[in-house]
Amino acid sequence: MAAMAALQSSMSSLSLSPNSFLGQRLSPITLYPVPVQSTEKPCLIVMRLKRWERKECKPNSLPVLHKMHVKVGDTVKIISGHEKGKIGEIAKIFRHNSSVIVKETNLKTKHVKSREEGEPGQIIKIEAPIHSSNVMLYSKEQNVASRVGHKILENGNRVRYLIKTGEIIDNKENWKKLKEGNKTTEVAATV
């Protein structure tokens, strides 16, 4: 009973003025806010790939793929970095971050732990990626690096060519050699 008496006395001591919030009714506008549609475009979602590397993604969560001026099998010259001046062939491309792997260049040392008890650990050399802006297409015949251009031949085929030399890069013989090389490496890997 003493607790009820104390509560009643504290409630009666409260002074409610007309300007105070207590005792006033809320207007229906503040209870149900009207959703406002923004005119801004939605920002790109950033998907977590690794702790140090982030992939830009489209709103449907697919990665943004960049156009590349090089393809797998092209001969390129590295034009910047500590491997500057080296010539090699493109082994793999990563379109989500515009980087390429050039065979036998930009070798990094990787320390591999043993997977089983008796197996020793290893120190291996792997080819690290290089940004595609740091490589330039190279002509083996004339020993010159050049930018790439696009043109349409008389038969309607769209091909890439070297601007300095006019040499056509995309032709069926080059693609046949590349396909045969891939098949022989697959057969060697399975044996």
N, C-alpha and C. Protein backbone atom coordinates (compact mmCIF):
# COMPACT_ATOMS: atom_id res chain seq x y z
N MET A 1 0.81 -1.19 0.00
CA MET A 1 0.00 0.00 0.00
C MET A 1 0.84 1.24 0.00
N ALA A 2 1.97 1.17 0.67
CA ALA A 2 2.83 2.34 0.75
C ALA A 2 3.39 2.67 -0.64
N ALA A 3 3.63 1.63 -1.40
CA ALA A 3 4.17 1.85 -2.75
C ALA A 3 3.14 2.53 -3.63
N MET A 4 1.85 2.13 -3.48
CA MET A 4 0.80 2.76 -4.28
C MET A 4 0.62 4.21 -3.91
N ALA A 5 0.72 4.51 -2.65
CA ALA A 5 0.56 5.90 -2.19
C ALA A 5 1.70 6.75 -2.72
N ALA A 6 2.90 6.21 -2.74
CA ALA A 6 4.05 6.96 -3.25
C ALA A 6 3.91 7.21 -4.74
N LEU A 7 3.40 6.22 -5.49
CA LEU A 7 3.22 6.37 -6.93
C LEU A 7 2.15 7.42 -7.23
N GLN A 8 1.06 7.41 -6.47
CA GLN A 8 0.00 8.40 -6.70
C GLN A 8 0.48 9.81 -6.38
N SER A 9 1.27 9.96 -5.34
CA SER A 9 1.76 11.29 -5.00
C SER A 9 2.73 11.80 -6.05
N SER A 10 3.55 10.90 -6.61
CA SER A 10 4.50 11.35 -7.65
C SER A 10 3.77 11.71 -8.93
N MET A 11 2.68 10.99 -9.26
CA MET A 11 1.91 11.30 -10.46
C MET A 11 1.17 12.63 -10.32
N SER A 12 0.68 12.91 -9.11
CA SER A 12 -0.04 14.16 -8.91
C SER A 12 0.90 15.35 -8.92
N SER A 13 2.17 15.11 -8.57
CA SER A 13 3.12 16.22 -8.57
C SER A 13 3.55 16.60 -9.98
N LEU A 14 3.31 15.72 -10.97
CA LEU A 14 3.67 16.07 -12.35
C LEU A 14 2.74 17.17 -12.84
N SER A 15 3.34 18.17 -13.41
CA SER A 15 2.51 19.26 -13.95
C SER A 15 2.45 19.11 -15.45
N LEU A 16 1.27 18.96 -16.01
CA LEU A 16 1.11 18.81 -17.45
C LEU A 16 0.63 20.13 -18.01
N SER A 17 1.49 20.75 -18.78
CA SER A 17 1.10 22.00 -19.43
C SER A 17 0.62 21.67 -20.84
N PRO A 18 -0.12 22.62 -21.48
CA PRO A 18 -0.59 22.33 -22.83
C PRO A 18 0.55 22.17 -23.84
N ASN A 19 1.73 22.71 -23.53
CA ASN A 19 2.85 22.62 -24.47
C ASN A 19 3.64 21.33 -24.32
N SER A 20 3.40 20.59 -23.25
CA SER A 20 4.17 19.38 -23.04
C SER A 20 3.67 18.26 -23.94
N PHE A 21 4.52 17.26 -24.18
CA PHE A 21 4.17 16.14 -25.06
C PHE A 21 3.16 15.21 -24.39
N LEU A 22 3.30 15.04 -23.08
CA LEU A 22 2.41 14.11 -22.38
C LEU A 22 0.97 14.60 -22.44
N GLY A 23 0.08 13.75 -22.71
CA GLY A 23 -1.32 14.08 -22.74
C GLY A 23 -1.82 14.57 -24.09
N GLN A 24 -0.94 14.75 -25.07
CA GLN A 24 -1.37 15.20 -26.39
C GLN A 24 -1.53 13.99 -27.30
N ARG A 25 -2.43 14.10 -28.25
CA ARG A 25 -2.63 13.03 -29.21
C ARG A 25 -1.65 13.21 -30.37
N LEU A 26 -1.20 12.11 -30.90
CA LEU A 26 -0.29 12.16 -32.05
C LEU A 26 -1.09 12.32 -33.33
N SER A 27 -0.58 13.10 -34.24
CA SER A 27 -1.26 13.27 -35.52
C SER A 27 -1.02 12.05 -36.39
N PRO A 28 -1.94 11.71 -37.27
CA PRO A 28 -1.75 10.50 -38.10
C PRO A 28 -0.58 10.64 -39.06
N ILE A 29 -0.11 11.84 -39.37
CA ILE A 29 1.01 12.02 -40.30
C ILE A 29 2.29 11.47 -39.68
N THR A 30 2.47 11.71 -38.39
CA THR A 30 3.70 11.23 -37.75
C THR A 30 3.63 9.75 -37.46
N LEU A 31 2.41 9.17 -37.32
CA LEU A 31 2.32 7.74 -37.06
C LEU A 31 2.68 6.92 -38.28
N TYR A 32 2.23 7.34 -39.45
CA TYR A 32 2.46 6.59 -40.68
C TYR A 32 3.22 7.47 -41.67
N PRO A 33 4.53 7.44 -41.64
CA PRO A 33 5.27 8.29 -42.57
C PRO A 33 5.13 7.79 -44.00
N VAL A 34 5.01 8.70 -44.94
CA VAL A 34 4.86 8.37 -46.35
C VAL A 34 6.26 8.09 -46.91
N PRO A 35 6.46 6.93 -47.57
CA PRO A 35 7.79 6.65 -48.12
C PRO A 35 8.12 7.61 -49.26
N VAL A 36 9.34 8.14 -49.23
CA VAL A 36 9.80 9.08 -50.25
C VAL A 36 10.75 8.33 -51.16
N GLN A 37 10.50 8.39 -52.46
CA GLN A 37 11.38 7.72 -53.41
C GLN A 37 12.48 8.68 -53.82
N SER A 38 13.74 8.21 -53.71
CA SER A 38 14.86 9.07 -54.06
C SER A 38 15.08 9.05 -55.56
N THR A 39 15.56 10.16 -56.09
CA THR A 39 15.82 10.27 -57.52
C THR A 39 17.25 9.83 -57.85
N GLU A 40 18.08 9.56 -56.83
CA GLU A 40 19.46 9.15 -57.06
C GLU A 40 19.50 7.70 -57.53
N LYS A 41 20.52 7.39 -58.33
CA LYS A 41 20.71 6.02 -58.77
C LYS A 41 21.25 5.20 -57.60
N PRO A 42 20.87 3.92 -57.52
CA PRO A 42 21.40 3.10 -56.42
C PRO A 42 22.90 2.90 -56.62
N CYS A 43 23.64 2.92 -55.53
CA CYS A 43 25.09 2.76 -55.64
C CYS A 43 25.42 1.29 -55.90
N LEU A 44 26.61 1.07 -56.45
CA LEU A 44 27.05 -0.29 -56.74
C LEU A 44 27.33 -1.03 -55.44
N ILE A 45 26.96 -2.28 -55.40
CA ILE A 45 27.20 -3.11 -54.23
C ILE A 45 28.66 -3.56 -54.27
N VAL A 46 29.34 -3.53 -53.15
CA VAL A 46 30.71 -4.01 -53.09
C VAL A 46 30.68 -5.38 -52.42
N MET A 47 31.08 -6.41 -53.18
CA MET A 47 31.05 -7.78 -52.68
C MET A 47 32.39 -8.11 -52.06
N ARG A 48 32.40 -8.83 -50.96
CA ARG A 48 33.63 -9.15 -50.27
C ARG A 48 34.29 -10.35 -50.93
N LEU A 49 35.45 -10.16 -51.55
CA LEU A 49 36.17 -11.24 -52.20
C LEU A 49 37.23 -11.77 -51.26
N LYS A 50 38.14 -10.91 -50.83
CA LYS A 50 39.16 -11.24 -49.85
C LYS A 50 39.30 -10.05 -48.95
N ARG A 51 40.09 -10.21 -47.94
CA ARG A 51 40.24 -9.11 -46.98
C ARG A 51 40.88 -7.89 -47.64
N TRP A 52 41.80 -8.10 -48.55
CA TRP A 52 42.54 -6.99 -49.16
C TRP A 52 42.07 -6.64 -50.56
N GLU A 53 41.13 -7.39 -51.11
CA GLU A 53 40.70 -7.16 -52.48
C GLU A 53 39.19 -7.14 -52.53
N ARG A 54 38.61 -6.14 -53.15
CA ARG A 54 37.15 -6.04 -53.23
C ARG A 54 36.73 -6.08 -54.70
N LYS A 55 35.60 -6.73 -54.97
CA LYS A 55 35.05 -6.81 -56.31
C LYS A 55 33.90 -5.84 -56.43
N GLU A 56 33.90 -5.02 -57.46
CA GLU A 56 32.73 -4.19 -57.72
C GLU A 56 31.65 -5.07 -58.33
N CYS A 57 30.42 -4.89 -57.89
CA CYS A 57 29.33 -5.70 -58.39
C CYS A 57 28.20 -4.82 -58.91
N LYS A 58 27.46 -5.38 -59.84
CA LYS A 58 26.26 -4.73 -60.34
C LYS A 58 25.14 -4.92 -59.32
N PRO A 59 24.00 -4.23 -59.48
CA PRO A 59 22.91 -4.43 -58.53
C PRO A 59 22.40 -5.86 -58.42
N ASN A 60 22.61 -6.69 -59.44
CA ASN A 60 22.18 -8.08 -59.36
C ASN A 60 23.28 -8.99 -58.80
N SER A 61 24.29 -8.40 -58.16
CA SER A 61 25.37 -9.09 -57.46
C SER A 61 26.33 -9.83 -58.38
N LEU A 62 26.27 -9.60 -59.69
CA LEU A 62 27.26 -10.17 -60.60
C LEU A 62 28.43 -9.20 -60.70
N PRO A 63 29.66 -9.69 -60.83
CA PRO A 63 30.80 -8.78 -60.87
C PRO A 63 30.82 -7.94 -62.14
N VAL A 64 31.34 -6.73 -62.04
CA VAL A 64 31.51 -5.85 -63.19
C VAL A 64 32.74 -6.34 -63.95
N LEU A 65 32.58 -6.70 -65.21
CA LEU A 65 33.68 -7.21 -66.02
C LEU A 65 34.16 -6.12 -66.96
N HIS A 66 35.47 -5.85 -66.94
CA HIS A 66 36.04 -4.77 -67.74
C HIS A 66 36.46 -5.29 -69.10
N LYS A 67 36.41 -4.41 -70.11
CA LYS A 67 36.89 -4.78 -71.44
C LYS A 67 38.41 -4.76 -71.42
N MET A 68 39.00 -5.70 -72.12
CA MET A 68 40.46 -5.83 -72.14
C MET A 68 40.96 -5.67 -73.57
N HIS A 69 42.15 -5.09 -73.71
CA HIS A 69 42.75 -4.93 -75.04
C HIS A 69 43.61 -6.12 -75.41
N VAL A 70 43.74 -7.09 -74.51
CA VAL A 70 44.54 -8.29 -74.77
C VAL A 70 43.67 -9.52 -74.56
N LYS A 71 44.08 -10.61 -75.17
CA LYS A 71 43.39 -11.89 -75.02
C LYS A 71 44.42 -12.96 -74.66
N VAL A 72 43.92 -14.12 -74.26
CA VAL A 72 44.81 -15.23 -73.93
C VAL A 72 45.56 -15.66 -75.19
N GLY A 73 46.87 -15.85 -75.09
CA GLY A 73 47.68 -16.25 -76.22
C GLY A 73 48.40 -15.11 -76.91
N ASP A 74 48.06 -13.85 -76.58
CA ASP A 74 48.74 -12.70 -77.19
C ASP A 74 50.16 -12.58 -76.65
N THR A 75 51.07 -12.12 -77.51
CA THR A 75 52.43 -11.82 -77.08
C THR A 75 52.47 -10.36 -76.66
N VAL A 76 52.94 -10.11 -75.44
CA VAL A 76 52.94 -8.75 -74.89
C VAL A 76 54.32 -8.40 -74.34
N LYS A 77 54.53 -7.08 -74.23
CA LYS A 77 55.74 -6.56 -73.61
C LYS A 77 55.31 -5.79 -72.37
N ILE A 78 56.00 -6.03 -71.25
CA ILE A 78 55.67 -5.32 -70.01
C ILE A 78 56.32 -3.95 -70.08
N ILE A 79 55.50 -2.89 -69.88
CA ILE A 79 56.00 -1.53 -70.09
C ILE A 79 56.24 -0.77 -68.80
N SER A 80 55.87 -1.35 -67.64
CA SER A 80 56.17 -0.67 -66.37
C SER A 80 56.28 -1.70 -65.26
N GLY A 81 56.93 -1.29 -64.18
CA GLY A 81 57.13 -2.19 -63.05
C GLY A 81 58.54 -2.74 -63.04
N HIS A 82 58.81 -3.61 -62.08
CA HIS A 82 60.17 -4.15 -61.96
C HIS A 82 60.48 -5.18 -63.04
N GLU A 83 59.48 -5.64 -63.77
CA GLU A 83 59.68 -6.58 -64.88
C GLU A 83 59.68 -5.86 -66.24
N LYS A 84 59.89 -4.54 -66.23
CA LYS A 84 59.79 -3.71 -67.44
C LYS A 84 60.73 -4.22 -68.53
N GLY A 85 60.19 -4.32 -69.75
CA GLY A 85 60.99 -4.73 -70.90
C GLY A 85 60.90 -6.21 -71.22
N LYS A 86 60.38 -7.02 -70.32
CA LYS A 86 60.28 -8.46 -70.58
C LYS A 86 59.13 -8.74 -71.54
N ILE A 87 59.30 -9.80 -72.33
CA ILE A 87 58.31 -10.20 -73.33
C ILE A 87 57.80 -11.59 -72.98
N GLY A 88 56.49 -11.77 -73.06
CA GLY A 88 55.92 -13.08 -72.74
C GLY A 88 54.54 -13.22 -73.35
N GLU A 89 53.93 -14.36 -73.09
CA GLU A 89 52.61 -14.67 -73.63
C GLU A 89 51.58 -14.66 -72.50
N ILE A 90 50.40 -14.17 -72.81
CA ILE A 90 49.33 -14.10 -71.81
C ILE A 90 48.83 -15.51 -71.52
N ALA A 91 48.86 -15.91 -70.25
CA ALA A 91 48.39 -17.24 -69.86
C ALA A 91 46.95 -17.20 -69.36
N LYS A 92 46.58 -16.13 -68.64
CA LYS A 92 45.25 -16.05 -68.05
C LYS A 92 44.89 -14.60 -67.87
N ILE A 93 43.58 -14.29 -67.97
CA ILE A 93 43.13 -12.92 -67.72
C ILE A 93 42.05 -12.94 -66.65
N PHE A 94 42.01 -11.87 -65.84
CA PHE A 94 40.99 -11.67 -64.82
C PHE A 94 40.25 -10.39 -65.17
N ARG A 95 39.03 -10.53 -65.70
CA ARG A 95 38.31 -9.36 -66.19
C ARG A 95 37.68 -8.54 -65.08
N HIS A 96 37.49 -9.10 -63.88
CA HIS A 96 36.85 -8.33 -62.82
C HIS A 96 37.77 -7.27 -62.24
N ASN A 97 39.09 -7.45 -62.34
CA ASN A 97 40.00 -6.41 -61.86
C ASN A 97 41.05 -6.02 -62.90
N SER A 98 40.82 -6.35 -64.17
CA SER A 98 41.68 -5.95 -65.29
C SER A 98 43.13 -6.34 -65.11
N SER A 99 43.37 -7.56 -64.70
CA SER A 99 44.76 -8.00 -64.56
C SER A 99 44.98 -9.25 -65.40
N VAL A 100 46.25 -9.48 -65.74
CA VAL A 100 46.62 -10.61 -66.58
C VAL A 100 47.81 -11.34 -65.96
N ILE A 101 47.98 -12.62 -66.33
CA ILE A 101 49.16 -13.38 -65.94
C ILE A 101 49.97 -13.64 -67.20
N VAL A 102 51.22 -13.20 -67.18
CA VAL A 102 52.13 -13.40 -68.31
C VAL A 102 53.06 -14.55 -67.96
N LYS A 103 53.23 -15.50 -68.88
CA LYS A 103 54.06 -16.69 -68.62
C LYS A 103 55.50 -16.30 -68.31
N GLU A 104 56.03 -16.94 -67.27
CA GLU A 104 57.44 -16.81 -66.86
C GLU A 104 57.86 -15.39 -66.48
N THR A 105 56.91 -14.54 -66.08
CA THR A 105 57.26 -13.21 -65.59
C THR A 105 56.54 -12.93 -64.29
N ASN A 106 57.04 -11.95 -63.55
CA ASN A 106 56.48 -11.53 -62.26
C ASN A 106 56.35 -12.72 -61.32
N LEU A 107 57.45 -13.47 -61.18
CA LEU A 107 57.46 -14.66 -60.34
C LEU A 107 57.55 -14.28 -58.87
N LYS A 108 56.70 -14.86 -58.06
CA LYS A 108 56.68 -14.63 -56.62
C LYS A 108 56.97 -15.95 -55.92
N THR A 109 57.57 -15.87 -54.75
CA THR A 109 57.87 -17.06 -53.96
C THR A 109 56.71 -17.35 -53.03
N LYS A 110 56.23 -18.60 -53.06
CA LYS A 110 55.14 -19.00 -52.18
C LYS A 110 55.62 -20.15 -51.32
N HIS A 111 55.40 -20.02 -50.01
CA HIS A 111 55.77 -21.08 -49.07
C HIS A 111 54.52 -21.91 -48.80
N VAL A 112 54.59 -23.19 -49.17
CA VAL A 112 53.44 -24.08 -49.05
C VAL A 112 53.65 -25.03 -47.89
N LYS A 113 52.66 -25.10 -46.99
CA LYS A 113 52.74 -26.03 -45.87
C LYS A 113 52.51 -27.45 -46.36
N SER A 114 52.98 -28.42 -45.57
CA SER A 114 52.74 -29.82 -45.92
C SER A 114 51.28 -30.15 -45.66
N ARG A 115 50.71 -30.97 -46.53
CA ARG A 115 49.30 -31.35 -46.39
C ARG A 115 49.15 -32.60 -45.53
N GLU A 116 50.14 -33.48 -45.56
CA GLU A 116 50.09 -34.70 -44.79
C GLU A 116 51.25 -34.72 -43.81
N GLU A 117 51.28 -35.71 -42.91
CA GLU A 117 52.31 -35.74 -41.88
C GLU A 117 53.70 -35.97 -42.45
N GLY A 118 53.86 -36.95 -43.30
CA GLY A 118 55.19 -37.29 -43.80
C GLY A 118 55.70 -36.37 -44.90
N GLU A 119 54.82 -35.60 -45.51
CA GLU A 119 55.19 -34.77 -46.66
C GLU A 119 55.86 -33.48 -46.18
N PRO A 120 57.00 -33.10 -46.76
CA PRO A 120 57.65 -31.85 -46.34
C PRO A 120 56.99 -30.63 -46.99
N GLY A 121 57.18 -29.46 -46.42
CA GLY A 121 56.71 -28.22 -47.02
C GLY A 121 57.54 -27.87 -48.24
N GLN A 122 57.06 -26.92 -49.03
CA GLN A 122 57.76 -26.56 -50.26
C GLN A 122 57.85 -25.05 -50.40
N ILE A 123 58.83 -24.61 -51.16
CA ILE A 123 58.91 -23.21 -51.59
C ILE A 123 58.82 -23.24 -53.10
N ILE A 124 57.72 -22.67 -53.63
CA ILE A 124 57.49 -22.73 -55.07
C ILE A 124 57.42 -21.31 -55.64
N LYS A 125 57.66 -21.19 -56.94
CA LYS A 125 57.56 -19.91 -57.65
C LYS A 125 56.25 -19.92 -58.43
N ILE A 126 55.45 -18.86 -58.24
CA ILE A 126 54.20 -18.73 -58.99
C ILE A 126 54.21 -17.42 -59.75
N GLU A 127 53.44 -17.38 -60.85
CA GLU A 127 53.32 -16.16 -61.66
C GLU A 127 52.21 -15.30 -61.07
N ALA A 128 52.55 -14.09 -60.68
CA ALA A 128 51.55 -13.18 -60.09
C ALA A 128 50.93 -12.33 -61.19
N PRO A 129 49.69 -11.87 -60.98
CA PRO A 129 49.04 -11.04 -62.01
C PRO A 129 49.64 -9.65 -62.11
N ILE A 130 49.54 -9.07 -63.30
CA ILE A 130 49.97 -7.70 -63.60
C ILE A 130 48.75 -6.97 -64.13
N HIS A 131 48.61 -5.70 -63.82
CA HIS A 131 47.47 -4.93 -64.35
C HIS A 131 47.60 -4.81 -65.86
N SER A 132 46.46 -4.89 -66.55
CA SER A 132 46.49 -4.92 -68.02
C SER A 132 47.00 -3.63 -68.62
N SER A 133 46.97 -2.52 -67.88
CA SER A 133 47.49 -1.26 -68.42
C SER A 133 49.01 -1.25 -68.45
N ASN A 134 49.65 -2.21 -67.78
CA ASN A 134 51.11 -2.27 -67.75
C ASN A 134 51.68 -3.19 -68.82
N VAL A 135 50.84 -3.72 -69.71
CA VAL A 135 51.33 -4.55 -70.81
C VAL A 135 50.87 -3.95 -72.13
N MET A 136 51.68 -4.19 -73.16
CA MET A 136 51.37 -3.67 -74.50
C MET A 136 51.62 -4.79 -75.52
N LEU A 137 50.75 -4.88 -76.50
CA LEU A 137 50.91 -5.93 -77.51
C LEU A 137 52.25 -5.78 -78.23
N TYR A 138 52.85 -6.93 -78.59
CA TYR A 138 54.21 -6.94 -79.14
C TYR A 138 54.23 -7.74 -80.43
N SER A 139 54.96 -7.22 -81.42
CA SER A 139 55.14 -7.91 -82.70
C SER A 139 56.48 -8.62 -82.69
N LYS A 140 56.46 -9.95 -82.79
CA LYS A 140 57.72 -10.72 -82.80
C LYS A 140 58.49 -10.51 -84.10
N GLU A 141 57.75 -10.30 -85.20
CA GLU A 141 58.40 -10.17 -86.50
C GLU A 141 59.21 -8.89 -86.60
N GLN A 142 58.64 -7.76 -86.13
CA GLN A 142 59.32 -6.48 -86.27
C GLN A 142 59.90 -5.97 -84.96
N ASN A 143 59.77 -6.75 -83.88
CA ASN A 143 60.31 -6.42 -82.57
C ASN A 143 59.92 -5.02 -82.11
N VAL A 144 58.63 -4.75 -82.11
CA VAL A 144 58.13 -3.44 -81.69
C VAL A 144 56.82 -3.63 -80.92
N ALA A 145 56.66 -2.83 -79.85
CA ALA A 145 55.41 -2.84 -79.09
C ALA A 145 54.48 -1.77 -79.66
N SER A 146 53.19 -2.05 -79.66
CA SER A 146 52.24 -1.14 -80.28
C SER A 146 50.89 -1.21 -79.59
N ARG A 147 50.12 -0.14 -79.77
CA ARG A 147 48.74 -0.16 -79.31
C ARG A 147 47.92 -1.04 -80.26
N VAL A 148 46.72 -1.40 -79.80
CA VAL A 148 45.87 -2.26 -80.60
C VAL A 148 44.78 -1.42 -81.26
N GLY A 149 44.42 -1.79 -82.49
CA GLY A 149 43.32 -1.14 -83.20
C GLY A 149 42.35 -2.20 -83.69
N HIS A 150 41.18 -1.77 -84.09
CA HIS A 150 40.15 -2.69 -84.60
C HIS A 150 39.75 -2.25 -86.00
N LYS A 151 39.61 -3.23 -86.90
CA LYS A 151 39.12 -2.90 -88.24
C LYS A 151 38.32 -4.07 -88.78
N ILE A 152 37.50 -3.78 -89.78
CA ILE A 152 36.65 -4.80 -90.40
C ILE A 152 37.23 -5.11 -91.78
N LEU A 153 37.48 -6.39 -92.03
CA LEU A 153 38.06 -6.83 -93.30
C LEU A 153 36.99 -6.86 -94.39
N GLU A 154 37.42 -7.16 -95.63
CA GLU A 154 36.49 -7.19 -96.76
C GLU A 154 35.42 -8.26 -96.58
N ASN A 155 35.78 -9.38 -95.94
CA ASN A 155 34.80 -10.46 -95.75
C ASN A 155 33.87 -10.21 -94.57
N GLY A 156 34.02 -9.08 -93.87
CA GLY A 156 33.12 -8.74 -92.78
C GLY A 156 33.61 -9.14 -91.40
N ASN A 157 34.78 -9.75 -91.31
CA ASN A 157 35.31 -10.14 -90.00
C ASN A 157 35.93 -8.92 -89.31
N ARG A 158 35.64 -8.78 -88.02
CA ARG A 158 36.23 -7.70 -87.22
C ARG A 158 37.46 -8.26 -86.53
N VAL A 159 38.62 -7.66 -86.80
CA VAL A 159 39.88 -8.18 -86.27
C VAL A 159 40.63 -7.09 -85.53
N ARG A 160 41.57 -7.53 -84.69
CA ARG A 160 42.48 -6.60 -84.01
C ARG A 160 43.78 -6.55 -84.79
N TYR A 161 44.42 -5.38 -84.79
CA TYR A 161 45.70 -5.24 -85.48
C TYR A 161 46.59 -4.29 -84.70
N LEU A 162 47.90 -4.37 -84.95
CA LEU A 162 48.85 -3.47 -84.31
C LEU A 162 48.90 -2.17 -85.10
N ILE A 163 48.76 -1.05 -84.42
CA ILE A 163 48.68 0.25 -85.10
C ILE A 163 50.01 0.61 -85.75
N LYS A 164 51.14 0.35 -85.09
CA LYS A 164 52.44 0.74 -85.65
C LYS A 164 52.80 -0.05 -86.90
N THR A 165 52.51 -1.36 -86.87
CA THR A 165 52.97 -2.22 -87.96
C THR A 165 51.86 -2.60 -88.93
N GLY A 166 50.62 -2.54 -88.51
CA GLY A 166 49.51 -2.97 -89.35
C GLY A 166 49.31 -4.48 -89.34
N GLU A 167 50.06 -5.19 -88.51
CA GLU A 167 49.99 -6.65 -88.44
C GLU A 167 48.69 -7.08 -87.77
N ILE A 168 47.97 -8.02 -88.40
CA ILE A 168 46.70 -8.51 -87.85
C ILE A 168 47.00 -9.57 -86.79
N ILE A 169 46.40 -9.39 -85.62
CA ILE A 169 46.63 -10.31 -84.50
C ILE A 169 45.65 -11.47 -84.56
N ASP A 170 44.37 -11.18 -84.77
CA ASP A 170 43.34 -12.22 -84.77
C ASP A 170 43.25 -12.86 -86.15
N ASN A 171 43.80 -14.06 -86.27
CA ASN A 171 43.57 -14.83 -87.48
C ASN A 171 43.42 -16.30 -87.09
N LYS A 172 42.88 -17.10 -87.97
CA LYS A 172 42.51 -18.47 -87.64
C LYS A 172 43.73 -19.34 -87.31
N GLU A 173 44.88 -19.06 -87.94
CA GLU A 173 46.08 -19.87 -87.67
C GLU A 173 46.52 -19.70 -86.22
N ASN A 174 46.49 -18.46 -85.72
CA ASN A 174 46.90 -18.22 -84.33
C ASN A 174 45.97 -18.95 -83.37
N TRP A 175 44.67 -18.92 -83.66
CA TRP A 175 43.72 -19.58 -82.76
C TRP A 175 43.88 -21.10 -82.82
N LYS A 176 44.17 -21.66 -84.00
CA LYS A 176 44.39 -23.10 -84.11
C LYS A 176 45.61 -23.52 -83.30
N LYS A 177 46.69 -22.74 -83.38
CA LYS A 177 47.91 -23.05 -82.60
C LYS A 177 47.60 -23.01 -81.11
N LEU A 178 46.84 -22.01 -80.69
CA LEU A 178 46.49 -21.87 -79.28
C LEU A 178 45.65 -23.04 -78.80
N LYS A 179 44.66 -23.46 -79.60
CA LYS A 179 43.80 -24.59 -79.23
C LYS A 179 44.60 -25.89 -79.15
N GLU A 180 45.51 -26.11 -80.12
CA GLU A 180 46.33 -27.32 -80.12
C GLU A 180 47.25 -27.34 -78.90
N GLY A 181 47.80 -26.19 -78.57
CA GLY A 181 48.67 -26.09 -77.38
C GLY A 181 47.91 -26.42 -76.11
N ASN A 182 46.66 -25.96 -76.00
CA ASN A 182 45.83 -26.25 -74.82
C ASN A 182 45.51 -27.74 -74.73
N LYS A 183 45.23 -28.38 -75.88
CA LYS A 183 44.90 -29.80 -75.87
C LYS A 183 46.10 -30.64 -75.44
N THR A 184 47.30 -30.28 -75.92
CA THR A 184 48.49 -31.06 -75.54
C THR A 184 48.79 -30.90 -74.06
N THR A 185 48.58 -29.72 -73.50
CA THR A 185 48.82 -29.56 -72.06
C THR A 185 47.79 -30.31 -71.23
N GLU A 186 46.52 -30.39 -71.71
CA GLU A 186 45.50 -31.15 -71.01
C GLU A 186 45.82 -32.64 -71.03
N VAL A 187 46.29 -33.15 -72.18
CA VAL A 187 46.64 -34.56 -72.29
C VAL A 187 47.82 -34.88 -71.38
N ALA A 188 48.82 -33.98 -71.34
CA ALA A 188 49.99 -34.19 -70.48
C ALA A 188 49.58 -34.16 -69.01
N ALA A 189 48.64 -33.32 -68.67
CA ALA A 189 48.19 -33.22 -67.28
C ALA A 189 47.44 -34.48 -66.85
N THR A 190 46.67 -35.08 -67.76
CA THR A 190 45.91 -36.28 -67.41
C THR A 190 46.79 -37.51 -67.31
N VAL A 191 47.90 -37.56 -68.08
CA VAL A 191 48.81 -38.72 -68.06
C VAL A 191 49.69 -38.64 -66.88
